[in-house]
Amino acid sequence: MPSDHFPDPKPSTSAGRAARRASRRLRTTGALVLVGALTVCTTSAAAAVSAGERSAGAAAAVPLDGWDLILPVDAAGGTSGDHAAILRPAAPASPYLTREPDGSLNFWAPSVGATTASSRHPRTELVGRDSWTVGTRKRTLAATVRIGQVPGSTRDVIVGQIHGAGEDGSVPLVMLHYDDGVVRVTVKDAADRSTVHQLLTGVGLGTAFSYTLADNGNGTLTFTARVGAGNAVRKTVPVPAAYRGTRVRFAAGDYEQASDALPYGDGGRVVVSRLAAG
């Protein structure tokens, strides 16, 4: 994950104003918590939204239980500068995370969004509430996604991660990219070195594909991806020596990788129709 900071975009279009109004509405519900060091608490408003979805939604609705939601929103409720907003527990937060009629989750991350301190790329991303020490427990993240939009400058969106947690929170150990039709995994080997494992090619926008990211609990990691009912491509690699003992958790959603802050309307859109971590 890049350590340089995102430029200071100031969207002034009606879409940008609508996003800020949506952020203000979230803050008034008590569900959106503005944070400095990501020290927040669960709110009854967010819990009520989640419970309402479970009772009124379709049986196929993607659950949000067990996740928090990082939003590309700053402390003023806008989309400029440093990220300072998180929903605990996760709940829809228009326009960044909305629920489709079929129960899928629609993630939107504009390239002009606010960013976390260790990255210059905005994200609308679910982060797991459970963490573990890599290599000590069998854990798997499984998802089915389709990419609706990619940032114009790179065409690259990260849709799943095994990411550092707690004191190890700056370590992006495993990142699954959709990169202009290529589905690939990047594994961080050392502070200045990563290895790329290609899984799929020729995956068009709007084409659903499934993936898994697994910590096998025995010192190895396994990644799979497939389109439809096709054969899964599988890669198994050792946990990098530099990161044995690292505290990690899963992340999933829309971590767009734009190299430039293009006008509002540019960014990444990811629709998730299945998501399970266990």
C-alpha atoms as a PDB file:
ATOM      1  CA  MET A   1       0.000   0.000   0.000  1.00  0.00           C
ATOM      2  CA  PRO A   2       1.499   3.388  -0.932  1.00  0.00           C
ATOM      3  CA  SER A   3       2.654   5.501   1.985  1.00  0.00           C
ATOM      4  CA  ASP A   4       2.338   8.853   0.215  1.00  0.00           C
ATOM      5  CA  HIS A   5      -0.804  10.880   0.790  1.00  0.00           C
ATOM      6  CA  PHE A   6      -3.680  11.590  -1.581  1.00  0.00           C
ATOM      7  CA  PRO A   7      -3.912  15.112  -3.098  1.00  0.00           C
ATOM      8  CA  ASP A   8      -6.452  17.558  -1.689  1.00  0.00           C
ATOM      9  CA  PRO A   9      -9.388  17.398  -4.135  1.00  0.00           C
ATOM     10  CA  LYS A  10     -12.321  19.736  -3.591  1.00  0.00           C
ATOM     11  CA  PRO A  11     -15.289  18.520  -5.670  1.00  0.00           C
ATOM     12  CA  SER A  12     -17.742  21.325  -6.335  1.00  0.00           C
ATOM     13  CA  THR A  13     -20.225  19.590  -8.655  1.00  0.00           C
ATOM     14  CA  SER A  14     -23.803  18.777  -7.707  1.00  0.00           C
ATOM     15  CA  ALA A  15     -22.748  15.135  -7.306  1.00  0.00           C
ATOM     16  CA  GLY A  16     -20.091  16.183  -4.822  1.00  0.00           C
ATOM     17  CA  ARG A  17     -22.590  18.290  -2.914  1.00  0.00           C
ATOM     18  CA  ALA A  18     -25.011  15.353  -2.873  1.00  0.00           C
ATOM     19  CA  ALA A  19     -22.315  13.122  -1.407  1.00  0.00           C
ATOM     20  CA  ARG A  20     -21.621  15.651   1.345  1.00  0.00           C
ATOM     21  CA  ARG A  21     -25.347  15.945   2.104  1.00  0.00           C
ATOM     22  CA  ALA A  22     -25.532  12.159   2.361  1.00  0.00           C
ATOM     23  CA  SER A  23     -22.602  12.211   4.774  1.00  0.00           C
ATOM     24  CA  ARG A  24     -24.313  14.828   6.917  1.00  0.00           C
ATOM     25  CA  ARG A  25     -27.487  12.715   6.991  1.00  0.00           C
ATOM     26  CA  LEU A  26     -25.450   9.761   8.197  1.00  0.00           C
ATOM     27  CA  ARG A  27     -23.908  11.807  10.976  1.00  0.00           C
ATOM     28  CA  THR A  28     -27.305  12.904  12.256  1.00  0.00           C
ATOM     29  CA  THR A  29     -28.419   9.279  12.657  1.00  0.00           C
ATOM     30  CA  GLY A  30     -25.558   8.591  15.022  1.00  0.00           C
ATOM     31  CA  ALA A  31     -24.471   5.698  12.787  1.00  0.00           C
ATOM     32  CA  LEU A  32     -21.503   7.539  11.297  1.00  0.00           C
ATOM     33  CA  VAL A  33     -18.671   7.953  13.799  1.00  0.00           C
ATOM     34  CA  LEU A  34     -15.900  10.445  13.072  1.00  0.00           C
ATOM     35  CA  VAL A  35     -12.603   9.119  14.325  1.00  0.00           C
ATOM     36  CA  GLY A  36      -9.019  10.194  14.854  1.00  0.00           C
ATOM     37  CA  ALA A  37      -7.262   6.935  15.672  1.00  0.00           C
ATOM     38  CA  LEU A  38     -10.243   4.749  14.646  1.00  0.00           C
ATOM     39  CA  THR A  39     -11.452   4.563  18.256  1.00  0.00           C
ATOM     40  CA  VAL A  40     -15.230   4.282  17.891  1.00  0.00           C
ATOM     41  CA  CYS A  41     -18.182   2.525  19.469  1.00  0.00           C
ATOM     42  CA  THR A  42     -21.159   0.555  18.186  1.00  0.00           C
ATOM     43  CA  THR A  43     -24.297   2.681  17.839  1.00  0.00           C
ATOM     44  CA  SER A  44     -27.909   1.653  18.234  1.00  0.00           C
ATOM     45  CA  ALA A  45     -28.836   3.410  14.976  1.00  0.00           C
ATOM     46  CA  ALA A  46     -26.467   1.309  12.854  1.00  0.00           C
ATOM     47  CA  ALA A  47     -27.593  -1.866  14.635  1.00  0.00           C
ATOM     48  CA  ALA A  48     -31.219  -1.003  13.939  1.00  0.00           C
ATOM     49  CA  VAL A  49     -30.519  -0.524  10.222  1.00  0.00           C
ATOM     50  CA  SER A  50     -28.758  -3.894  10.040  1.00  0.00           C
ATOM     51  CA  ALA A  51     -31.564  -5.672  11.906  1.00  0.00           C
ATOM     52  CA  GLY A  52     -34.165  -4.075   9.643  1.00  0.00           C
ATOM     53  CA  GLU A  53     -32.380  -5.342   6.559  1.00  0.00           C
ATOM     54  CA  ARG A  54     -32.260  -8.879   7.897  1.00  0.00           C
ATOM     55  CA  SER A  55     -35.985  -8.916   8.628  1.00  0.00           C
ATOM     56  CA  ALA A  56     -37.195  -7.129   5.486  1.00  0.00           C
ATOM     57  CA  GLY A  57     -34.577  -8.110   2.893  1.00  0.00           C
ATOM     58  CA  ALA A  58     -34.464 -11.014   0.506  1.00  0.00           C
ATOM     59  CA  ALA A  59     -33.157 -14.362   1.688  1.00  0.00           C
ATOM     60  CA  ALA A  60     -30.137 -13.909  -0.610  1.00  0.00           C
ATOM     61  CA  ALA A  61     -29.123 -10.572   0.924  1.00  0.00           C
ATOM     62  CA  VAL A  62     -25.386 -10.356   1.562  1.00  0.00           C
ATOM     63  CA  PRO A  63     -24.987 -10.114   5.367  1.00  0.00           C
ATOM     64  CA  LEU A  64     -23.047  -7.317   7.021  1.00  0.00           C
ATOM     65  CA  ASP A  65     -22.712  -9.060  10.378  1.00  0.00           C
ATOM     66  CA  GLY A  66     -19.130  -9.135  11.608  1.00  0.00           C
ATOM     67  CA  TRP A  67     -17.934  -6.177   9.549  1.00  0.00           C
ATOM     68  CA  ASP A  68     -17.185  -2.488  10.026  1.00  0.00           C
ATOM     69  CA  LEU A  69     -17.267  -0.063   7.088  1.00  0.00           C
ATOM     70  CA  ILE A  70     -14.566   2.450   6.145  1.00  0.00           C
ATOM     71  CA  LEU A  71     -15.949   5.401   4.159  1.00  0.00           C
ATOM     72  CA  PRO A  72     -14.065   7.890   1.912  1.00  0.00           C
ATOM     73  CA  VAL A  73     -15.324  10.782   4.061  1.00  0.00           C
ATOM     74  CA  ASP A  74     -13.339  13.379   6.009  1.00  0.00           C
ATOM     75  CA  ALA A  75     -13.953  14.925   9.428  1.00  0.00           C
ATOM     76  CA  ALA A  76     -16.100  17.685   7.909  1.00  0.00           C
ATOM     77  CA  GLY A  77     -18.365  15.155   6.195  1.00  0.00           C
ATOM     78  CA  GLY A  78     -16.859  15.859   2.766  1.00  0.00           C
ATOM     79  CA  THR A  79     -14.502  13.963   0.468  1.00  0.00           C
ATOM     80  CA  SER A  80     -11.287  15.952   0.858  1.00  0.00           C
ATOM     81  CA  GLY A  81      -8.129  15.095   2.779  1.00  0.00           C
ATOM     82  CA  ASP A  82      -7.834  12.405   5.453  1.00  0.00           C
ATOM     83  CA  HIS A  83     -10.466   9.735   6.015  1.00  0.00           C
ATOM     84  CA  ALA A  84     -12.167  10.127   9.386  1.00  0.00           C
ATOM     85  CA  ALA A  85     -15.351   8.093   9.142  1.00  0.00           C
ATOM     86  CA  ILE A  86     -16.279   4.522   9.935  1.00  0.00           C
ATOM     87  CA  LEU A  87     -19.543   2.697  10.592  1.00  0.00           C
ATOM     88  CA  ARG A  88     -19.470   0.203  13.450  1.00  0.00           C
ATOM     89  CA  PRO A  89     -21.209  -2.110  12.767  1.00  0.00           C
ATOM     90  CA  ALA A  90     -21.372  -1.838   8.981  1.00  0.00           C
ATOM     91  CA  ALA A  91     -24.628  -0.671   7.387  1.00  0.00           C
ATOM     92  CA  PRO A  92     -25.635   0.844   4.014  1.00  0.00           C
ATOM     93  CA  ALA A  93     -24.348   4.401   3.646  1.00  0.00           C
ATOM     94  CA  SER A  94     -25.550   6.041   0.445  1.00  0.00           C
ATOM     95  CA  PRO A  95     -23.985   6.881  -1.963  1.00  0.00           C
ATOM     96  CA  TYR A  96     -20.955   4.806  -0.947  1.00  0.00           C
ATOM     97  CA  LEU A  97     -22.625   1.520   0.009  1.00  0.00           C
ATOM     98  CA  THR A  98     -26.142   0.673  -1.117  1.00  0.00           C
ATOM     99  CA  ARG A  99     -28.262  -2.475  -1.226  1.00  0.00           C
ATOM    100  CA  GLU A 100     -29.404  -3.779  -4.648  1.00  0.00           C
ATOM    101  CA  PRO A 101     -32.935  -5.217  -5.052  1.00  0.00           C
ATOM    102  CA  ASP A 102     -31.477  -8.745  -5.197  1.00  0.00           C
ATOM    103  CA  GLY A 103     -29.671  -8.257  -1.880  1.00  0.00           C
ATOM    104  CA  SER A 104     -26.229  -7.564  -3.371  1.00  0.00           C
ATOM    105  CA  LEU A 105     -24.019  -4.802  -1.972  1.00  0.00           C
ATOM    106  CA  ASN A 106     -23.033  -1.968  -4.322  1.00  0.00           C
ATOM    107  CA  PHE A 107     -19.777  -0.248  -3.293  1.00  0.00           C
ATOM    108  CA  TRP A 108     -18.740   3.146  -4.697  1.00  0.00           C
ATOM    109  CA  ALA A 109     -15.354   4.797  -4.039  1.00  0.00           C
ATOM    110  CA  PRO A 110     -14.715   8.065  -5.933  1.00  0.00           C
ATOM    111  CA  SER A 111     -11.161   8.897  -6.928  1.00  0.00           C
ATOM    112  CA  VAL A 112     -11.632  12.252  -5.175  1.00  0.00           C
ATOM    113  CA  GLY A 113     -12.537  10.616  -1.857  1.00  0.00           C
ATOM    114  CA  ALA A 114     -10.835  11.075   1.494  1.00  0.00           C
ATOM    115  CA  THR A 115      -8.062   8.573   2.226  1.00  0.00           C
ATOM    116  CA  THR A 116      -6.563   6.719   5.165  1.00  0.00           C
ATOM    117  CA  ALA A 117      -3.229   7.929   6.519  1.00  0.00           C
ATOM    118  CA  SER A 118      -1.139   5.167   4.921  1.00  0.00           C
ATOM    119  CA  SER A 119      -2.604   5.397   1.402  1.00  0.00           C
ATOM    120  CA  ARG A 120      -3.389   7.892  -1.326  1.00  0.00           C
ATOM    121  CA  HIS A 121      -6.303   5.787  -2.609  1.00  0.00           C
ATOM    122  CA  PRO A 122      -9.894   6.212  -1.329  1.00  0.00           C
ATOM    123  CA  ARG A 123     -11.881   3.173  -0.278  1.00  0.00           C
ATOM    124  CA  THR A 124     -15.368   2.054   0.650  1.00  0.00           C
ATOM    125  CA  GLU A 125     -14.337  -1.143   2.349  1.00  0.00           C
ATOM    126  CA  LEU A 126     -15.624  -3.640   4.876  1.00  0.00           C
ATOM    127  CA  VAL A 127     -13.080  -4.611   7.531  1.00  0.00           C
ATOM    128  CA  GLY A 128     -13.501  -7.700   9.664  1.00  0.00           C
ATOM    129  CA  ARG A 129     -14.195  -7.275  13.364  1.00  0.00           C
ATOM    130  CA  ASP A 130     -12.300 -10.476  14.114  1.00  0.00           C
ATOM    131  CA  SER A 131      -8.496 -10.688  13.859  1.00  0.00           C
ATOM    132  CA  TRP A 132      -5.999 -13.512  14.255  1.00  0.00           C
ATOM    133  CA  THR A 133      -2.265 -14.212  14.071  1.00  0.00           C
ATOM    134  CA  VAL A 134      -1.400 -15.258  10.535  1.00  0.00           C
ATOM    135  CA  GLY A 135      -0.455 -18.918  10.202  1.00  0.00           C
ATOM    136  CA  THR A 136      -2.127 -20.045  13.432  1.00  0.00           C
ATOM    137  CA  ARG A 137      -5.788 -20.440  12.433  1.00  0.00           C
ATOM    138  CA  LYS A 138      -7.568 -21.690   9.332  1.00  0.00           C
ATOM    139  CA  ARG A 139      -9.509 -18.709   7.999  1.00  0.00           C
ATOM    140  CA  THR A 140     -11.148 -18.148   4.594  1.00  0.00           C
ATOM    141  CA  LEU A 141     -12.710 -15.151   2.858  1.00  0.00           C
ATOM    142  CA  ALA A 142     -15.008 -16.110  -0.042  1.00  0.00           C
ATOM    143  CA  ALA A 143     -16.804 -13.668  -2.330  1.00  0.00           C
ATOM    144  CA  THR A 144     -18.515 -13.304  -5.691  1.00  0.00           C
ATOM    145  CA  VAL A 145     -18.147  -9.880  -7.276  1.00  0.00           C
ATOM    146  CA  ARG A 146     -18.560  -8.007 -10.511  1.00  0.00           C
ATOM    147  CA  ILE A 147     -16.803  -4.769 -11.379  1.00  0.00           C
ATOM    148  CA  GLY A 148     -19.087  -2.017 -12.620  1.00  0.00           C
ATOM    149  CA  GLN A 149     -16.511   0.754 -12.988  1.00  0.00           C
ATOM    150  CA  VAL A 150     -12.763   1.215 -12.699  1.00  0.00           C
ATOM    151  CA  PRO A 151     -10.771   4.441 -12.229  1.00  0.00           C
ATOM    152  CA  GLY A 152      -9.788   5.885 -15.597  1.00  0.00           C
ATOM    153  CA  SER A 153      -6.150   6.456 -14.725  1.00  0.00           C
ATOM    154  CA  THR A 154      -5.295   2.856 -13.759  1.00  0.00           C
ATOM    155  CA  ARG A 155      -8.366   0.572 -14.246  1.00  0.00           C
ATOM    156  CA  ASP A 156      -7.329  -1.113 -10.991  1.00  0.00           C
ATOM    157  CA  VAL A 157      -9.499  -1.902  -7.934  1.00  0.00           C
ATOM    158  CA  ILE A 158      -8.642  -4.038  -4.898  1.00  0.00           C
ATOM    159  CA  VAL A 159     -11.672  -6.136  -3.900  1.00  0.00           C
ATOM    160  CA  GLY A 160     -10.304  -8.348  -1.101  1.00  0.00           C
ATOM    161  CA  GLN A 161      -7.455  -8.311   1.424  1.00  0.00           C
ATOM    162  CA  ILE A 162      -5.770 -10.084   4.299  1.00  0.00           C
ATOM    163  CA  HIS A 163      -4.629  -6.940   6.059  1.00  0.00           C
ATOM    164  CA  GLY A 164      -2.761  -6.127   9.228  1.00  0.00           C
ATOM    165  CA  ALA A 165      -4.766  -5.386  12.377  1.00  0.00           C
ATOM    166  CA  GLY A 166      -3.998  -3.643  15.666  1.00  0.00           C
ATOM    167  CA  GLU A 167      -0.328  -2.699  15.949  1.00  0.00           C
ATOM    168  CA  ASP A 168       0.253  -4.385  12.564  1.00  0.00           C
ATOM    169  CA  GLY A 169      -2.448  -2.307  10.875  1.00  0.00           C
ATOM    170  CA  SER A 170      -0.117  -0.825   8.249  1.00  0.00           C
ATOM    171  CA  VAL A 171       0.696  -4.225   6.682  1.00  0.00           C
ATOM    172  CA  PRO A 172      -1.266  -5.048   3.468  1.00  0.00           C
ATOM    173  CA  LEU A 173      -0.198  -8.700   3.500  1.00  0.00           C
ATOM    174  CA  VAL A 174      -2.463  -9.962   0.680  1.00  0.00           C
ATOM    175  CA  MET A 175      -4.351  -7.825  -1.861  1.00  0.00           C
ATOM    176  CA  LEU A 176      -6.613  -9.201  -4.594  1.00  0.00           C
ATOM    177  CA  HIS A 177      -6.787  -6.838  -7.581  1.00  0.00           C
ATOM    178  CA  TYR A 178      -9.089  -6.537 -10.559  1.00  0.00           C
ATOM    179  CA  ASP A 179      -6.677  -4.820 -12.948  1.00  0.00           C
ATOM    180  CA  ASP A 180      -8.137  -4.065 -16.400  1.00  0.00           C
ATOM    181  CA  GLY A 181      -9.596  -7.568 -16.777  1.00  0.00           C
ATOM    182  CA  VAL A 182      -6.813  -9.389 -14.908  1.00  0.00           C
ATOM    183  CA  VAL A 183      -7.508 -10.867 -11.460  1.00  0.00           C
ATOM    184  CA  ARG A 184      -4.238 -11.059  -9.528  1.00  0.00           C
ATOM    185  CA  VAL A 185      -3.018 -11.360  -5.957  1.00  0.00           C
ATOM    186  CA  THR A 186      -0.138  -9.342  -4.524  1.00  0.00           C
ATOM    187  CA  VAL A 187       1.619 -10.808  -1.469  1.00  0.00           C
ATOM    188  CA  LYS A 188       3.878  -8.542   0.558  1.00  0.00           C
ATOM    189  CA  ASP A 189       7.211 -10.361   1.058  1.00  0.00           C
ATOM    190  CA  ALA A 190       9.084  -7.548   2.830  1.00  0.00           C
ATOM    191  CA  ALA A 191       8.726  -3.818   3.425  1.00  0.00           C
ATOM    192  CA  ASP A 192      10.040  -3.035  -0.072  1.00  0.00           C
ATOM    193  CA  ARG A 193       9.128  -6.174  -2.004  1.00  0.00           C
ATOM    194  CA  SER A 194       5.973  -7.995  -3.153  1.00  0.00           C
ATOM    195  CA  THR A 195       5.178 -11.001  -5.347  1.00  0.00           C
ATOM    196  CA  VAL A 196       2.327 -11.017  -7.881  1.00  0.00           C
ATOM    197  CA  HIS A 197       0.290 -14.173  -8.606  1.00  0.00           C
ATOM    198  CA  GLN A 198      -1.987 -13.986 -11.663  1.00  0.00           C
ATOM    199  CA  LEU A 199      -5.249 -15.934 -11.366  1.00  0.00           C
ATOM    200  CA  LEU A 200      -7.563 -14.892 -14.241  1.00  0.00           C
ATOM    201  CA  THR A 201      -7.382 -12.895 -17.483  1.00  0.00           C
ATOM    202  CA  GLY A 202     -10.012 -11.495 -19.837  1.00  0.00           C
ATOM    203  CA  VAL A 203     -12.613 -10.786 -17.143  1.00  0.00           C
ATOM    204  CA  GLY A 204     -14.747  -7.999 -18.582  1.00  0.00           C
ATOM    205  CA  LEU A 205     -16.546  -5.273 -16.689  1.00  0.00           C
ATOM    206  CA  GLY A 206     -19.849  -6.625 -15.415  1.00  0.00           C
ATOM    207  CA  THR A 207     -18.652 -10.252 -15.475  1.00  0.00           C
ATOM    208  CA  ALA A 208     -19.092 -12.016 -12.142  1.00  0.00           C
ATOM    209  CA  PHE A 209     -16.150 -13.909 -10.712  1.00  0.00           C
ATOM    210  CA  SER A 210     -15.591 -15.682  -7.422  1.00  0.00           C
ATOM    211  CA  TYR A 211     -12.483 -15.675  -5.263  1.00  0.00           C
ATOM    212  CA  THR A 212     -11.162 -17.012  -1.978  1.00  0.00           C
ATOM    213  CA  LEU A 213      -8.308 -15.814   0.218  1.00  0.00           C
ATOM    214  CA  ALA A 214      -7.321 -18.413   2.803  1.00  0.00           C
ATOM    215  CA  ASP A 215      -4.898 -18.657   5.694  1.00  0.00           C
ATOM    216  CA  ASN A 216      -4.510 -22.417   5.983  1.00  0.00           C
ATOM    217  CA  GLY A 217      -3.304 -22.239   9.589  1.00  0.00           C
ATOM    218  CA  ASN A 218      -0.163 -24.202   8.750  1.00  0.00           C
ATOM    219  CA  GLY A 219       2.149 -21.498   7.449  1.00  0.00           C
ATOM    220  CA  THR A 220       0.677 -21.317   3.950  1.00  0.00           C
ATOM    221  CA  LEU A 221      -1.809 -19.085   2.127  1.00  0.00           C
ATOM    222  CA  THR A 222      -4.104 -20.204  -0.711  1.00  0.00           C
ATOM    223  CA  PHE A 223      -5.868 -18.017  -3.291  1.00  0.00           C
ATOM    224  CA  THR A 224      -8.471 -19.137  -5.836  1.00  0.00           C
ATOM    225  CA  ALA A 225     -10.524 -17.429  -8.541  1.00  0.00           C
ATOM    226  CA  ARG A 226     -12.945 -18.556 -11.220  1.00  0.00           C
ATOM    227  CA  VAL A 227     -15.571 -17.185 -13.600  1.00  0.00           C
ATOM    228  CA  GLY A 228     -19.007 -18.769 -13.314  1.00  0.00           C
ATOM    229  CA  ALA A 229     -18.890 -22.539 -13.018  1.00  0.00           C
ATOM    230  CA  GLY A 230     -15.465 -22.752 -14.629  1.00  0.00           C
ATOM    231  CA  ASN A 231     -12.482 -24.442 -13.068  1.00  0.00           C
ATOM    232  CA  ALA A 232     -10.868 -22.511 -10.237  1.00  0.00           C
ATOM    233  CA  VAL A 233      -7.292 -21.331 -10.594  1.00  0.00           C
ATOM    234  CA  ARG A 234      -5.440 -21.996  -7.345  1.00  0.00           C
ATOM    235  CA  LYS A 235      -2.158 -20.692  -5.928  1.00  0.00           C
ATOM    236  CA  THR A 236      -0.627 -21.750  -2.588  1.00  0.00           C
ATOM    237  CA  VAL A 237       2.354 -19.867  -1.150  1.00  0.00           C
ATOM    238  CA  PRO A 238       4.163 -19.799   2.202  1.00  0.00           C
ATOM    239  CA  VAL A 239       3.470 -17.021   4.676  1.00  0.00           C
ATOM    240  CA  PRO A 240       6.364 -14.607   4.068  1.00  0.00           C
ATOM    241  CA  ALA A 241       8.989 -14.999   6.789  1.00  0.00           C
ATOM    242  CA  ALA A 242       8.957 -11.258   7.485  1.00  0.00           C
ATOM    243  CA  TYR A 243       5.275 -11.379   8.436  1.00  0.00           C
ATOM    244  CA  ARG A 244       4.974 -14.562  10.477  1.00  0.00           C
ATOM    245  CA  GLY A 245       3.285 -13.637  13.724  1.00  0.00           C
ATOM    246  CA  THR A 246       1.518 -10.617  12.195  1.00  0.00           C
ATOM    247  CA  ARG A 247      -1.966  -9.843  13.465  1.00  0.00           C
ATOM    248  CA  VAL A 248      -4.380  -9.737  10.500  1.00  0.00           C
ATOM    249  CA  ARG A 249      -8.027  -9.474   9.523  1.00  0.00           C
ATOM    250  CA  PHE A 250     -10.050  -9.665   6.303  1.00  0.00           C
ATOM    251  CA  ALA A 251     -11.165  -6.679   4.239  1.00  0.00           C
ATOM    252  CA  ALA A 252     -13.491  -6.652   1.219  1.00  0.00           C
ATOM    253  CA  GLY A 253     -15.179  -4.123  -1.014  1.00  0.00           C
ATOM    254  CA  ASP A 254     -13.925  -1.285  -3.194  1.00  0.00           C
ATOM    255  CA  TYR A 255     -10.402   0.043  -2.644  1.00  0.00           C
ATOM    256  CA  GLU A 256      -9.909   1.896  -5.916  1.00  0.00           C
ATOM    257  CA  GLN A 257      -6.333   2.480  -7.110  1.00  0.00           C
ATOM    258  CA  ALA A 258      -6.517   5.684  -9.173  1.00  0.00           C
ATOM    259  CA  SER A 259      -3.174   7.378  -9.767  1.00  0.00           C
ATOM    260  CA  ASP A 260      -4.849  10.775 -10.263  1.00  0.00           C
ATOM    261  CA  ALA A 261      -7.809  12.475  -8.591  1.00  0.00           C
ATOM    262  CA  LEU A 262      -9.966  12.876 -11.681  1.00  0.00           C
ATOM    263  CA  PRO A 263     -13.247  14.860 -11.580  1.00  0.00           C
ATOM    264  CA  TYR A 264     -16.102  13.547  -9.461  1.00  0.00           C
ATOM    265  CA  GLY A 265     -17.689  10.597 -11.221  1.00  0.00           C
ATOM    266  CA  ASP A 266     -14.375   8.778 -11.683  1.00  0.00           C
ATOM    267  CA  GLY A 267     -13.621   5.932  -9.327  1.00  0.00           C
ATOM    268  CA  GLY A 268     -14.365   2.288  -8.630  1.00  0.00           C
ATOM    269  CA  ARG A 269     -17.698   0.502  -8.358  1.00  0.00           C
ATOM    270  CA  VAL A 270     -17.921  -3.091  -7.127  1.00  0.00           C
ATOM    271  CA  VAL A 271     -21.066  -5.195  -6.669  1.00  0.00           C
ATOM    272  CA  VAL A 272     -20.757  -8.067  -4.186  1.00  0.00           C
ATOM    273  CA  SER A 273     -23.381 -10.808  -4.476  1.00  0.00           C
ATOM    274  CA  ARG A 274     -21.798 -13.264  -2.008  1.00  0.00           C
ATOM    275  CA  LEU A 275     -19.516 -12.645   0.947  1.00  0.00           C
ATOM    276  CA  ALA A 276     -18.515 -15.006   3.733  1.00  0.00           C
ATOM    277  CA  ALA A 277     -15.631 -15.004   6.207  1.00  0.00           C
ATOM    278  CA  GLY A 278     -14.981 -17.856   8.555  1.00  0.00           C
END
